């Protein structure tokens, strides 16, 4: 069974948070949360892949 992709999950959560914060504050830089989610998700996926490859 294949686990969920944390990269995709990070993009979705980061994007949703970015849109919400943009709507509340009107500041465009909140969309950077998408990138933060992407990087964190990729790191988690990489760590999971290395741990499962033993």
PDB file of N, CA and C in Angstrom:
ATOM      1  N   UNK A   1       0.847  -1.187   0.000  1.00  0.00           N
ATOM      2  CA  UNK A   1       0.000   0.000   0.000  1.00  0.00           C
ATOM      3  C   UNK A   1       0.886   1.242   0.000  1.00  0.00           C
ATOM      4  N   UNK A   2       0.624   2.120  -0.906  1.00  0.00           N
ATOM      5  CA  UNK A   2       1.421   3.342  -1.022  1.00  0.00           C
ATOM      6  C   UNK A   2       0.837   4.412  -0.104  1.00  0.00           C
ATOM      7  N   UNK A   3       1.726   5.086   0.636  1.00  0.00           N
ATOM      8  CA  UNK A   3       1.295   6.147   1.542  1.00  0.00           C
ATOM      9  C   UNK A   3       0.958   7.419   0.789  1.00  0.00           C
ATOM     10  N   UNK A   4       0.420   8.364   1.500  1.00  0.00           N
ATOM     11  CA  UNK A   4       0.074   9.640   0.892  1.00  0.00           C
ATOM     12  C   UNK A   4       1.331  10.423   0.561  1.00  0.00           C
ATOM     13  N   UNK A   5       1.224  11.269  -0.424  1.00  0.00           N
ATOM     14  CA  UNK A   5       2.347  12.120  -0.804  1.00  0.00           C
ATOM     15  C   UNK A   5       2.296  13.389   0.036  1.00  0.00           C
ATOM     16  N   UNK A   6       3.311  13.578   0.840  1.00  0.00           N
ATOM     17  CA  UNK A   6       3.361  14.774   1.668  1.00  0.00           C
ATOM     18  C   UNK A   6       3.682  16.019   0.845  1.00  0.00           C
ATOM     19  N   UNK A   7       4.265  15.828  -0.348  1.00  0.00           N
ATOM     20  CA  UNK A   7       4.495  16.971  -1.234  1.00  0.00           C
ATOM     21  C   UNK A   7       3.151  17.548  -1.658  1.00  0.00           C
ATOM     22  N   UNK A   8       2.258  16.677  -2.134  1.00  0.00           N
ATOM     23  CA  UNK A   8       0.933  17.137  -2.558  1.00  0.00           C
ATOM     24  C   UNK A   8       0.158  17.718  -1.381  1.00  0.00           C
ATOM     25  N   UNK A   9       0.225  17.053  -0.254  1.00  0.00           N
ATOM     26  CA  UNK A   9      -0.470  17.535   0.938  1.00  0.00           C
ATOM     27  C   UNK A   9       0.074  18.892   1.378  1.00  0.00           C
ATOM     28  N   UNK A  10       1.395  19.059   1.313  1.00  0.00           N
ATOM     29  CA  UNK A  10       2.009  20.332   1.681  1.00  0.00           C
ATOM     30  C   UNK A  10       1.598  21.461   0.758  1.00  0.00           C
ATOM     31  N   UNK A  11       1.504  21.166  -0.551  1.00  0.00           N
ATOM     32  CA  UNK A  11       1.075  22.186  -1.510  1.00  0.00           C
ATOM     33  C   UNK A  11      -0.368  22.595  -1.237  1.00  0.00           C
ATOM     34  N   UNK A  12      -1.226  21.617  -0.981  1.00  0.00           N
ATOM     35  CA  UNK A  12      -2.644  21.910  -0.742  1.00  0.00           C
ATOM     36  C   UNK A  12      -2.825  22.721   0.539  1.00  0.00           C
ATOM     37  N   UNK A  13      -2.201  22.270   1.620  1.00  0.00           N
ATOM     38  CA  UNK A  13      -2.342  22.974   2.902  1.00  0.00           C
ATOM     39  C   UNK A  13      -1.698  24.357   2.832  1.00  0.00           C
ATOM     40  N   UNK A  14      -0.498  24.428   2.244  1.00  0.00           N
ATOM     41  CA  UNK A  14       0.175  25.722   2.100  1.00  0.00           C
ATOM     42  C   UNK A  14      -0.610  26.685   1.228  1.00  0.00           C
ATOM     43  N   UNK A  15      -1.176  26.164   0.145  1.00  0.00           N
ATOM     44  CA  UNK A  15      -1.983  27.009  -0.736  1.00  0.00           C
ATOM     45  C   UNK A  15      -3.234  27.520  -0.048  1.00  0.00           C
ATOM     46  N   UNK A  16      -3.904  26.638   0.678  1.00  0.00           N
ATOM     47  CA  UNK A  16      -5.112  27.052   1.393  1.00  0.00           C
ATOM     48  C   UNK A  16      -4.786  28.099   2.454  1.00  0.00           C
ATOM     49  N   UNK A  17      -3.703  27.884   3.186  1.00  0.00           N
ATOM     50  CA  UNK A  17      -3.303  28.857   4.204  1.00  0.00           C
ATOM     51  C   UNK A  17      -2.912  30.183   3.563  1.00  0.00           C
ATOM     52  N   UNK A  18      -2.212  30.120   2.429  1.00  0.00           N
ATOM     53  CA  UNK A  18      -1.812  31.344   1.729  1.00  0.00           C
ATOM     54  C   UNK A  18      -3.001  32.149   1.240  1.00  0.00           C
ATOM     55  N   UNK A  19      -3.982  31.462   0.665  1.00  0.00           N
ATOM     56  CA  UNK A  19      -5.186  32.151   0.181  1.00  0.00           C
ATOM     57  C   UNK A  19      -5.951  32.767   1.344  1.00  0.00           C
ATOM     58  N   UNK A  20      -6.077  32.025   2.437  1.00  0.00           N
ATOM     59  CA  UNK A  20      -6.787  32.539   3.610  1.00  0.00           C
ATOM     60  C   UNK A  20      -6.096  33.771   4.181  1.00  0.00           C
ATOM     61  N   UNK A  21      -4.790  33.704   4.336  1.00  0.00           N
ATOM     62  CA  UNK A  21      -4.063  34.841   4.897  1.00  0.00           C
ATOM     63  C   UNK A  21      -4.063  36.031   3.942  1.00  0.00           C
ATOM     64  N   UNK A  22      -4.027  35.766   2.637  1.00  0.00           N
ATOM     65  CA  UNK A  22      -4.122  36.856   1.669  1.00  0.00           C
ATOM     66  C   UNK A  22      -5.485  37.537   1.778  1.00  0.00           C
ATOM     67  N   UNK A  23      -6.533  36.729   1.929  1.00  0.00           N
ATOM     68  CA  UNK A  23      -7.876  37.294   2.048  1.00  0.00           C
ATOM     69  C   UNK A  23      -8.006  38.146   3.313  1.00  0.00           C
ATOM     70  N   UNK A  24      -7.345  37.740   4.378  1.00  0.00           N
ATOM     71  CA  UNK A  24      -7.445  38.472   5.638  1.00  0.00           C
ATOM     72  C   UNK A  24      -6.576  39.725   5.672  1.00  0.00           C
ATOM     73  N   UNK A  25      -5.382  39.648   5.077  1.00  0.00           N
ATOM     74  CA  UNK A  25      -4.436  40.758   5.206  1.00  0.00           C
ATOM     75  C   UNK A  25      -4.235  41.557   3.931  1.00  0.00           C
ATOM     76  N   UNK A  26      -4.503  40.954   2.771  1.00  0.00           N
ATOM     77  CA  UNK A  26      -4.280  41.634   1.499  1.00  0.00           C
ATOM     78  C   UNK A  26      -2.819  41.683   1.085  1.00  0.00           C
ATOM     79  N   UNK A  27      -1.962  40.970   1.783  1.00  0.00           N
ATOM     80  CA  UNK A  27      -0.532  40.971   1.462  1.00  0.00           C
ATOM     81  C   UNK A  27      -0.190  39.734   0.636  1.00  0.00           C
ATOM     82  N   UNK A  28       0.434  39.969  -0.519  1.00  0.00           N
ATOM     83  CA  UNK A  28       0.679  38.912  -1.490  1.00  0.00           C
ATOM     84  C   UNK A  28       1.714  37.885  -1.029  1.00  0.00           C
ATOM     85  N   UNK A  29       2.621  38.259  -0.143  1.00  0.00           N
ATOM     86  CA  UNK A  29       3.707  37.352   0.210  1.00  0.00           C
ATOM     87  C   UNK A  29       3.242  36.092   0.925  1.00  0.00           C
ATOM     88  N   UNK A  30       2.005  36.063   1.401  1.00  0.00           N
ATOM     89  CA  UNK A  30       1.482  34.861   2.056  1.00  0.00           C
ATOM     90  C   UNK A  30       1.440  33.667   1.111  1.00  0.00           C
ATOM     91  N   UNK A  31       1.413  33.924  -0.213  1.00  0.00           N
ATOM     92  CA  UNK A  31       1.394  32.813  -1.162  1.00  0.00           C
ATOM     93  C   UNK A  31       2.698  32.028  -1.125  1.00  0.00           C
ATOM     94  N   UNK A  32       3.719  32.552  -0.479  1.00  0.00           N
ATOM     95  CA  UNK A  32       4.961  31.815  -0.270  1.00  0.00           C
ATOM     96  C   UNK A  32       4.775  30.576   0.595  1.00  0.00           C
ATOM     97  N   UNK A  33       3.650  30.494   1.306  1.00  0.00           N
ATOM     98  CA  UNK A  33       3.371  29.303   2.106  1.00  0.00           C
ATOM     99  C   UNK A  33       3.240  28.061   1.233  1.00  0.00           C
ATOM    100  N   UNK A  34       2.877  28.238  -0.041  1.00  0.00           N
ATOM    101  CA  UNK A  34       2.826  27.104  -0.963  1.00  0.00           C
ATOM    102  C   UNK A  34       4.227  26.506  -1.098  1.00  0.00           C
ATOM    103  N   UNK A  35       5.218  27.366  -1.270  1.00  0.00           N
ATOM    104  CA  UNK A  35       6.600  26.899  -1.379  1.00  0.00           C
ATOM    105  C   UNK A  35       7.093  26.246  -0.104  1.00  0.00           C
ATOM    106  N   UNK A  36       6.716  26.814   1.030  1.00  0.00           N
ATOM    107  CA  UNK A  36       7.104  26.222   2.317  1.00  0.00           C
ATOM    108  C   UNK A  36       6.503  24.822   2.446  1.00  0.00           C
ATOM    109  N   UNK A  37       5.235  24.691   2.089  1.00  0.00           N
ATOM    110  CA  UNK A  37       4.584  23.375   2.132  1.00  0.00           C
ATOM    111  C   UNK A  37       5.235  22.384   1.190  1.00  0.00           C
ATOM    112  N   UNK A  38       5.623  22.859   0.009  1.00  0.00           N
ATOM    113  CA  UNK A  38       6.299  21.998  -0.966  1.00  0.00           C
ATOM    114  C   UNK A  38       7.626  21.490  -0.412  1.00  0.00           C
ATOM    115  N   UNK A  39       8.414  22.381   0.152  1.00  0.00           N
ATOM    116  CA  UNK A  39       9.731  22.000   0.674  1.00  0.00           C
ATOM    117  C   UNK A  39       9.599  21.050   1.869  1.00  0.00           C
ATOM    118  N   UNK A  40       8.702  21.369   2.792  1.00  0.00           N
ATOM    119  CA  UNK A  40       8.512  20.491   3.949  1.00  0.00           C
ATOM    120  C   UNK A  40       7.991  19.117   3.531  1.00  0.00           C
ATOM    121  N   UNK A  41       7.036  19.109   2.606  1.00  0.00           N
ATOM    122  CA  UNK A  41       6.489  17.838   2.120  1.00  0.00           C
ATOM    123  C   UNK A  41       7.532  16.993   1.418  1.00  0.00           C
ATOM    124  N   UNK A  42       8.379  17.630   0.617  1.00  0.00           N
ATOM    125  CA  UNK A  42       9.436  16.894  -0.079  1.00  0.00           C
ATOM    126  C   UNK A  42      10.427  16.299   0.919  1.00  0.00           C
ATOM    127  N   UNK A  43      10.741  17.049   1.957  1.00  0.00           N
ATOM    128  CA  UNK A  43      11.644  16.534   2.982  1.00  0.00           C
ATOM    129  C   UNK A  43      11.061  15.339   3.710  1.00  0.00           C
ATOM    130  N   UNK A  44       9.785  15.404   4.043  1.00  0.00           N
ATOM    131  CA  UNK A  44       9.127  14.283   4.732  1.00  0.00           C
ATOM    132  C   UNK A  44       9.072  13.062   3.822  1.00  0.00           C
ATOM    133  N   UNK A  45       8.695  13.263   2.550  1.00  0.00           N
ATOM    134  CA  UNK A  45       8.645  12.147   1.605  1.00  0.00           C
ATOM    135  C   UNK A  45      10.019  11.507   1.438  1.00  0.00           C
ATOM    136  N   UNK A  46      11.048  12.331   1.343  1.00  0.00           N
ATOM    137  CA  UNK A  46      12.405  11.814   1.180  1.00  0.00           C
ATOM    138  C   UNK A  46      12.826  10.992   2.398  1.00  0.00           C
ATOM    139  N   UNK A  47      12.524  11.489   3.583  1.00  0.00           N
ATOM    140  CA  UNK A  47      12.870  10.765   4.808  1.00  0.00           C
ATOM    141  C   UNK A  47      12.106   9.442   4.896  1.00  0.00           C
ATOM    142  N   UNK A  48      10.846   9.442   4.502  1.00  0.00           N
ATOM    143  CA  UNK A  48      10.049   8.213   4.528  1.00  0.00           C
ATOM    144  C   UNK A  48      10.588   7.202   3.529  1.00  0.00           C
ATOM    145  N   UNK A  49      10.982   7.688   2.356  1.00  0.00           N
ATOM    146  CA  UNK A  49      11.503   6.806   1.318  1.00  0.00           C
ATOM    147  C   UNK A  49      12.819   6.162   1.765  1.00  0.00           C
ATOM    148  N   UNK A  50      13.669   6.937   2.405  1.00  0.00           N
ATOM    149  CA  UNK A  50      14.954   6.401   2.882  1.00  0.00           C
ATOM    150  C   UNK A  50      14.738   5.386   3.998  1.00  0.00           C
ATOM    151  N   UNK A  51      13.782   5.649   4.859  1.00  0.00           N
ATOM    152  CA  UNK A  51      13.502   4.724   5.955  1.00  0.00           C
ATOM    153  C   UNK A  51      12.889   3.419   5.477  1.00  0.00           C
ATOM    154  N   UNK A  52      12.093   3.468   4.419  1.00  0.00           N
ATOM    155  CA  UNK A  52      11.420   2.276   3.898  1.00  0.00           C
ATOM    156  C   UNK A  52      12.329   1.461   2.993  1.00  0.00           C
ATOM    157  N   UNK A  53      13.445   2.027   2.569  1.00  0.00           N
ATOM    158  CA  UNK A  53      14.322   1.346   1.625  1.00  0.00           C
ATOM    159  C   UNK A  53      15.310   0.387   2.264  1.00  0.00           C
ATOM    160  N   UNK A  54      15.199   0.145   3.553  1.00  0.00           N
ATOM    161  CA  UNK A  54      16.166  -0.730   4.240  1.00  0.00           C
ATOM    162  C   UNK A  54      16.001  -2.169   3.833  1.00  0.00           C
TER     163      UNK A  54
END
